[in-house]
Amino acid sequence: MPTNHGQLYANIHQSDPLEFWANHGLNYSRVSEFLEFDTNALSKLSGVSKKSVRLDNRIPRDLKERLEQIANICNLVAEYFNGDTQKTALWFKTVNPMIGEITPRDMIRFGRYKKLLKFITQARSEKATGNF
């Protein structure tokens, strides 16, 4: 079966326009601040107790993994908008009829980040092929 190598990496950001990553790894606080997630939201989206939520080097593993996935999603959208941070932030806060009359930010908060990632990768693919 032929493989389209471009599709293989379609769900991984190629750059860091939102500057979430540094030499030491992901800046968890920056991701949380970008989407305006409080302790309650971080607790719910990662499945850890509110008391366990911390964004330092002792971050719970489930929260760490979820924030890495969310940072990837945010950077994919930022790449789509050619690194425009304001457009990217607005996109996450705007109700989108293409994803069920909900904001992308709320999709993440409600644990539907995989569906959002699929939507984003499809949109990026359509833009790349000129079908968007």
Protein backbone atom coordinates (compact mmCIF):
# COMPACT_ATOMS: atom_id res chain seq x y z
CA MET A 1 0.00 0.00 0.00
CA PRO A 2 1.52 3.39 -0.98
CA THR A 3 2.18 5.80 1.85
CA ASN A 4 1.87 9.55 1.68
CA HIS A 5 4.76 10.66 3.89
CA GLY A 6 3.36 14.18 4.12
CA GLN A 7 0.27 12.76 5.83
CA LEU A 8 2.41 10.78 8.27
CA TYR A 9 3.45 13.95 10.08
CA ALA A 10 0.33 16.03 9.41
CA ASN A 11 -0.67 15.90 13.08
CA ILE A 12 2.68 17.18 14.42
CA HIS A 13 3.64 20.85 14.42
CA GLN A 14 6.73 21.72 12.38
CA SER A 15 7.65 24.91 14.22
CA ASP A 16 6.94 26.63 17.52
CA PRO A 17 5.28 29.94 16.61
CA LEU A 18 3.69 30.25 20.06
CA GLU A 19 7.06 29.70 21.73
CA PHE A 20 5.81 26.97 24.06
CA TRP A 21 9.01 24.93 23.84
CA ALA A 22 12.47 25.84 25.11
CA ASN A 23 15.75 23.98 25.60
CA HIS A 24 14.48 22.31 28.74
CA GLY A 25 11.10 21.28 27.33
CA LEU A 26 7.54 22.50 27.30
CA ASN A 27 6.58 25.61 29.26
CA TYR A 28 3.39 24.21 30.80
CA SER A 29 2.36 27.53 32.31
CA ARG A 30 2.57 29.26 28.94
CA VAL A 31 0.24 26.68 27.36
CA SER A 32 -2.21 26.99 30.25
CA GLU A 33 -2.13 30.80 30.08
CA PHE A 34 -2.57 30.85 26.30
CA LEU A 35 -5.88 28.99 26.58
CA GLU A 36 -6.76 30.61 29.92
CA PHE A 37 -7.08 27.30 31.75
CA ASP A 38 -7.35 27.51 35.52
CA THR A 39 -6.63 24.74 38.02
CA ASN A 40 -10.16 23.36 37.65
CA ALA A 41 -9.86 23.08 33.87
CA LEU A 42 -6.39 21.52 34.10
CA SER A 43 -7.66 19.01 36.64
CA LYS A 44 -10.61 17.99 34.49
CA LEU A 45 -8.78 17.71 31.19
CA SER A 46 -6.01 15.59 32.68
CA GLY A 47 -7.96 13.54 35.19
CA VAL A 48 -5.80 14.55 38.14
CA SER A 49 -7.09 16.05 41.38
CA LYS A 50 -7.05 19.84 41.74
CA LYS A 51 -4.58 19.47 44.61
CA SER A 52 -2.19 17.58 42.33
CA VAL A 53 -2.16 20.21 39.58
CA ARG A 54 1.26 21.80 39.32
CA LEU A 55 3.12 23.16 36.33
CA ASP A 56 6.72 22.73 37.44
CA ASN A 57 9.22 19.88 37.12
CA ARG A 58 6.98 17.72 39.35
CA ILE A 59 3.96 18.02 37.06
CA PRO A 60 1.78 14.89 37.15
CA ARG A 61 2.46 12.63 34.18
CA ASP A 62 -1.14 12.70 32.88
CA LEU A 63 -1.22 16.51 32.97
CA LYS A 64 2.20 16.69 31.30
CA GLU A 65 1.09 14.44 28.45
CA ARG A 66 -2.18 16.30 27.96
CA LEU A 67 -0.47 19.71 27.88
CA GLU A 68 2.04 18.39 25.33
CA GLN A 69 -0.85 17.28 23.12
CA ILE A 70 -2.60 20.63 23.59
CA ALA A 71 0.60 22.58 22.82
CA ASN A 72 0.91 20.60 19.60
CA ILE A 73 -2.69 21.43 18.64
CA CYS A 74 -2.16 25.13 19.39
CA ASN A 75 1.02 25.26 17.30
CA LEU A 76 -0.68 23.46 14.39
CA VAL A 77 -3.33 26.20 14.37
CA ALA A 78 -0.68 28.92 14.71
CA GLU A 79 1.17 27.47 11.73
CA TYR A 80 -2.07 27.56 9.76
CA PHE A 81 -2.32 31.28 10.57
CA ASN A 82 1.35 31.84 9.63
CA GLY A 83 2.38 32.37 13.26
CA ASP A 84 -0.19 35.07 14.01
CA THR A 85 -0.68 34.67 17.77
CA GLN A 86 -3.73 36.94 17.93
CA LYS A 87 -5.60 35.10 15.18
CA THR A 88 -4.70 31.79 16.78
CA ALA A 89 -5.97 32.88 20.21
CA LEU A 90 -9.17 34.25 18.66
CA TRP A 91 -9.75 31.00 16.76
CA PHE A 92 -9.63 29.00 20.00
CA LYS A 93 -12.15 31.33 21.67
CA THR A 94 -14.64 31.64 18.80
CA VAL A 95 -17.67 29.36 18.43
CA ASN A 96 -17.09 27.25 15.33
CA PRO A 97 -20.05 25.77 13.42
CA MET A 98 -17.72 23.25 11.74
CA ILE A 99 -17.09 21.53 15.07
CA GLY A 100 -20.56 21.61 16.55
CA GLU A 101 -21.18 25.23 17.58
CA ILE A 102 -18.55 25.10 20.31
CA THR A 103 -15.24 26.88 20.78
CA PRO A 104 -12.09 24.87 20.14
CA ARG A 105 -10.97 25.87 23.64
CA ASP A 106 -14.07 24.25 25.11
CA MET A 107 -13.55 21.13 23.01
CA ILE A 108 -10.18 20.76 24.70
CA ARG A 109 -11.63 21.50 28.14
CA PHE A 110 -14.31 18.83 27.61
CA GLY A 111 -11.74 16.22 26.59
CA ARG A 112 -12.52 16.24 22.87
CA TYR A 113 -9.01 17.23 21.82
CA LYS A 114 -8.59 14.15 19.57
CA LYS A 115 -11.63 15.17 17.52
CA LEU A 116 -10.29 18.73 17.36
CA LEU A 117 -6.89 17.47 16.22
CA LYS A 118 -8.57 15.48 13.44
CA PHE A 119 -10.50 18.57 12.32
CA ILE A 120 -7.33 20.70 12.32
CA THR A 121 -5.25 18.18 10.37
CA GLN A 122 -8.02 17.84 7.78
CA ALA A 123 -8.23 21.63 7.39
CA ARG A 124 -4.44 21.90 7.03
CA SER A 125 -4.47 19.13 4.44
CA GLU A 126 -7.21 20.87 2.46
CA LYS A 127 -5.29 24.14 2.59
CA ALA A 128 -2.13 22.40 1.37
CA THR A 129 -3.95 20.82 -1.56
CA GLY A 130 -5.84 24.00 -2.42
CA ASN A 131 -9.25 22.56 -1.56
CA PHE A 132 -9.89 24.87 1.39
